């Protein structure tokens, strides 16, 4: 994970911990949100995080949420369910983001 996109090393460390926690909760993939989805959903956030969960997973949601387990200030987490049905512009953003995550999968 590149440090250039973070304000400081502390923010990078927090992000790594959030990734680890989401993977522990069953996320298939976690990653940083693409700029298009970031502009659409929350342009004021410093870093947006995406987690892709299996369809039907209890932690999966189909909409952007501003707070999941109280992330630190400056962070928002987008939790989506793989292959869920979306409509409109958000569907395009989600598909782009999941494709982006597939290319940039983080372990």
C-alpha atoms as a PDB file:
ATOM      1  CA  UNK A   1       0.000   0.000   0.000  1.00  0.00           C
ATOM      2  CA  UNK A   2       1.480   3.301  -1.057  1.00  0.00           C
ATOM      3  CA  UNK A   3       1.987   5.866   1.668  1.00  0.00           C
ATOM      4  CA  UNK A   4       1.674   8.747  -0.825  1.00  0.00           C
ATOM      5  CA  UNK A   5      -2.124   8.675  -0.690  1.00  0.00           C
ATOM      6  CA  UNK A   6      -2.229   9.103   3.076  1.00  0.00           C
ATOM      7  CA  UNK A   7      -1.690  12.231   5.122  1.00  0.00           C
ATOM      8  CA  UNK A   8       0.783  10.417   7.355  1.00  0.00           C
ATOM      9  CA  UNK A   9       2.035   7.031   8.525  1.00  0.00           C
ATOM     10  CA  UNK A  10      -0.561   6.936  11.303  1.00  0.00           C
ATOM     11  CA  UNK A  11      -3.385   7.074   8.753  1.00  0.00           C
ATOM     12  CA  UNK A  12      -1.686   4.311   6.731  1.00  0.00           C
ATOM     13  CA  UNK A  13      -1.415   2.147   9.878  1.00  0.00           C
ATOM     14  CA  UNK A  14      -5.088   2.707  10.722  1.00  0.00           C
ATOM     15  CA  UNK A  15      -6.036   1.718   7.170  1.00  0.00           C
ATOM     16  CA  UNK A  16      -4.004  -1.500   7.374  1.00  0.00           C
ATOM     17  CA  UNK A  17      -5.761  -2.383  10.655  1.00  0.00           C
ATOM     18  CA  UNK A  18      -9.211  -1.710   9.160  1.00  0.00           C
ATOM     19  CA  UNK A  19      -8.304  -3.964   6.200  1.00  0.00           C
ATOM     20  CA  UNK A  20      -7.242  -6.712   8.612  1.00  0.00           C
ATOM     21  CA  UNK A  21     -10.448  -6.375  10.645  1.00  0.00           C
ATOM     22  CA  UNK A  22     -12.674  -6.500   7.551  1.00  0.00           C
ATOM     23  CA  UNK A  23     -10.858  -9.584   6.234  1.00  0.00           C
ATOM     24  CA  UNK A  24     -11.366 -11.180   9.665  1.00  0.00           C
ATOM     25  CA  UNK A  25     -15.103 -10.515   9.354  1.00  0.00           C
ATOM     26  CA  UNK A  26     -15.237 -12.432   6.075  1.00  0.00           C
ATOM     27  CA  UNK A  27     -14.561  -9.846   3.377  1.00  0.00           C
ATOM     28  CA  UNK A  28     -13.495 -11.390   0.078  1.00  0.00           C
ATOM     29  CA  UNK A  29     -11.540  -8.279  -0.895  1.00  0.00           C
ATOM     30  CA  UNK A  30     -10.708  -4.973   0.701  1.00  0.00           C
ATOM     31  CA  UNK A  31      -9.170  -1.919  -0.870  1.00  0.00           C
ATOM     32  CA  UNK A  32      -9.180   1.811  -1.290  1.00  0.00           C
ATOM     33  CA  UNK A  33     -12.094   3.266  -3.175  1.00  0.00           C
ATOM     34  CA  UNK A  34     -11.606   4.526  -6.730  1.00  0.00           C
ATOM     35  CA  UNK A  35     -11.677   8.271  -7.260  1.00  0.00           C
ATOM     36  CA  UNK A  36     -14.930   8.201  -9.275  1.00  0.00           C
ATOM     37  CA  UNK A  37     -16.830   6.428  -6.503  1.00  0.00           C
ATOM     38  CA  UNK A  38     -15.179   8.686  -3.921  1.00  0.00           C
ATOM     39  CA  UNK A  39     -16.378  11.802  -5.747  1.00  0.00           C
ATOM     40  CA  UNK A  40     -19.871  10.362  -6.036  1.00  0.00           C
ATOM     41  CA  UNK A  41     -20.299   9.168  -2.481  1.00  0.00           C
ATOM     42  CA  UNK A  42     -18.220  11.295  -0.141  1.00  0.00           C
ATOM     43  CA  UNK A  43     -15.884  13.903  -1.591  1.00  0.00           C
ATOM     44  CA  UNK A  44     -15.015  15.222   1.890  1.00  0.00           C
ATOM     45  CA  UNK A  45     -13.505  11.983   3.140  1.00  0.00           C
ATOM     46  CA  UNK A  46      -9.723  11.629   3.181  1.00  0.00           C
ATOM     47  CA  UNK A  47      -9.769   7.894   2.442  1.00  0.00           C
ATOM     48  CA  UNK A  48     -12.656   5.644   1.455  1.00  0.00           C
ATOM     49  CA  UNK A  49     -12.377   1.923   2.040  1.00  0.00           C
ATOM     50  CA  UNK A  50     -14.252  -0.765   0.160  1.00  0.00           C
ATOM     51  CA  UNK A  51     -15.002  -4.261   1.402  1.00  0.00           C
ATOM     52  CA  UNK A  52     -16.578  -6.885  -0.831  1.00  0.00           C
ATOM     53  CA  UNK A  53     -18.527  -9.534   1.073  1.00  0.00           C
ATOM     54  CA  UNK A  54     -20.156 -12.708  -0.266  1.00  0.00           C
ATOM     55  CA  UNK A  55     -23.803 -12.230  -1.195  1.00  0.00           C
ATOM     56  CA  UNK A  56     -26.000 -12.702   1.868  1.00  0.00           C
ATOM     57  CA  UNK A  57     -23.196 -12.057   4.363  1.00  0.00           C
ATOM     58  CA  UNK A  58     -24.602 -10.271   7.459  1.00  0.00           C
ATOM     59  CA  UNK A  59     -22.052  -7.454   7.112  1.00  0.00           C
ATOM     60  CA  UNK A  60     -22.923  -6.792   3.475  1.00  0.00           C
ATOM     61  CA  UNK A  61     -24.907  -3.681   2.667  1.00  0.00           C
ATOM     62  CA  UNK A  62     -26.020  -2.231  -0.624  1.00  0.00           C
ATOM     63  CA  UNK A  63     -25.475   1.420   0.116  1.00  0.00           C
ATOM     64  CA  UNK A  64     -22.692   3.720   1.212  1.00  0.00           C
ATOM     65  CA  UNK A  65     -22.508   4.012   4.991  1.00  0.00           C
ATOM     66  CA  UNK A  66     -20.748   6.831   6.757  1.00  0.00           C
ATOM     67  CA  UNK A  67     -19.854   4.824   9.809  1.00  0.00           C
ATOM     68  CA  UNK A  68     -19.062   1.155  10.342  1.00  0.00           C
ATOM     69  CA  UNK A  69     -17.798   0.208  13.793  1.00  0.00           C
ATOM     70  CA  UNK A  70     -16.864   3.872  14.330  1.00  0.00           C
ATOM     71  CA  UNK A  71     -13.950   4.301  11.911  1.00  0.00           C
ATOM     72  CA  UNK A  72     -11.503   7.077  12.809  1.00  0.00           C
ATOM     73  CA  UNK A  73     -12.231  10.639  11.630  1.00  0.00           C
ATOM     74  CA  UNK A  74     -11.450  11.096   7.957  1.00  0.00           C
ATOM     75  CA  UNK A  75     -12.366   7.525   7.086  1.00  0.00           C
ATOM     76  CA  UNK A  76     -15.536   6.114   5.613  1.00  0.00           C
ATOM     77  CA  UNK A  77     -16.186   2.513   4.697  1.00  0.00           C
ATOM     78  CA  UNK A  78     -18.234   1.306   1.764  1.00  0.00           C
ATOM     79  CA  UNK A  79     -19.427  -2.257   2.319  1.00  0.00           C
ATOM     80  CA  UNK A  80     -21.022  -3.977  -0.620  1.00  0.00           C
ATOM     81  CA  UNK A  81     -22.332  -7.439  -1.323  1.00  0.00           C
ATOM     82  CA  UNK A  82     -20.815  -9.221  -4.276  1.00  0.00           C
ATOM     83  CA  UNK A  83     -23.246  -9.529  -7.214  1.00  0.00           C
ATOM     84  CA  UNK A  84     -25.946  -7.522  -5.445  1.00  0.00           C
ATOM     85  CA  UNK A  85     -28.453  -5.685  -7.575  1.00  0.00           C
ATOM     86  CA  UNK A  86     -27.882  -1.938  -7.851  1.00  0.00           C
ATOM     87  CA  UNK A  87     -29.458   0.652 -10.083  1.00  0.00           C
ATOM     88  CA  UNK A  88     -28.527   3.949 -11.651  1.00  0.00           C
ATOM     89  CA  UNK A  89     -25.154   5.646 -11.432  1.00  0.00           C
ATOM     90  CA  UNK A  90     -24.253   3.904  -8.210  1.00  0.00           C
ATOM     91  CA  UNK A  91     -24.378   0.529  -9.942  1.00  0.00           C
ATOM     92  CA  UNK A  92     -21.794   1.734 -12.442  1.00  0.00           C
ATOM     93  CA  UNK A  93     -19.553   3.058  -9.663  1.00  0.00           C
ATOM     94  CA  UNK A  94     -19.834  -0.179  -7.708  1.00  0.00           C
ATOM     95  CA  UNK A  95     -19.038  -2.304 -10.755  1.00  0.00           C
ATOM     96  CA  UNK A  96     -16.036  -0.120 -11.567  1.00  0.00           C
ATOM     97  CA  UNK A  97     -14.857  -0.265  -7.971  1.00  0.00           C
ATOM     98  CA  UNK A  98     -15.186  -4.039  -7.730  1.00  0.00           C
ATOM     99  CA  UNK A  99     -13.314  -4.427 -11.026  1.00  0.00           C
ATOM    100  CA  UNK A 100     -10.650  -2.085  -9.666  1.00  0.00           C
ATOM    101  CA  UNK A 101     -10.454  -4.144  -6.479  1.00  0.00           C
ATOM    102  CA  UNK A 102     -10.092  -7.309  -8.510  1.00  0.00           C
ATOM    103  CA  UNK A 103      -7.059  -5.799 -10.201  1.00  0.00           C
ATOM    104  CA  UNK A 104      -5.573  -4.353  -7.010  1.00  0.00           C
ATOM    105  CA  UNK A 105      -6.487  -7.113  -4.557  1.00  0.00           C
ATOM    106  CA  UNK A 106      -4.883  -6.567  -1.171  1.00  0.00           C
ATOM    107  CA  UNK A 107      -4.041  -9.423   1.154  1.00  0.00           C
END
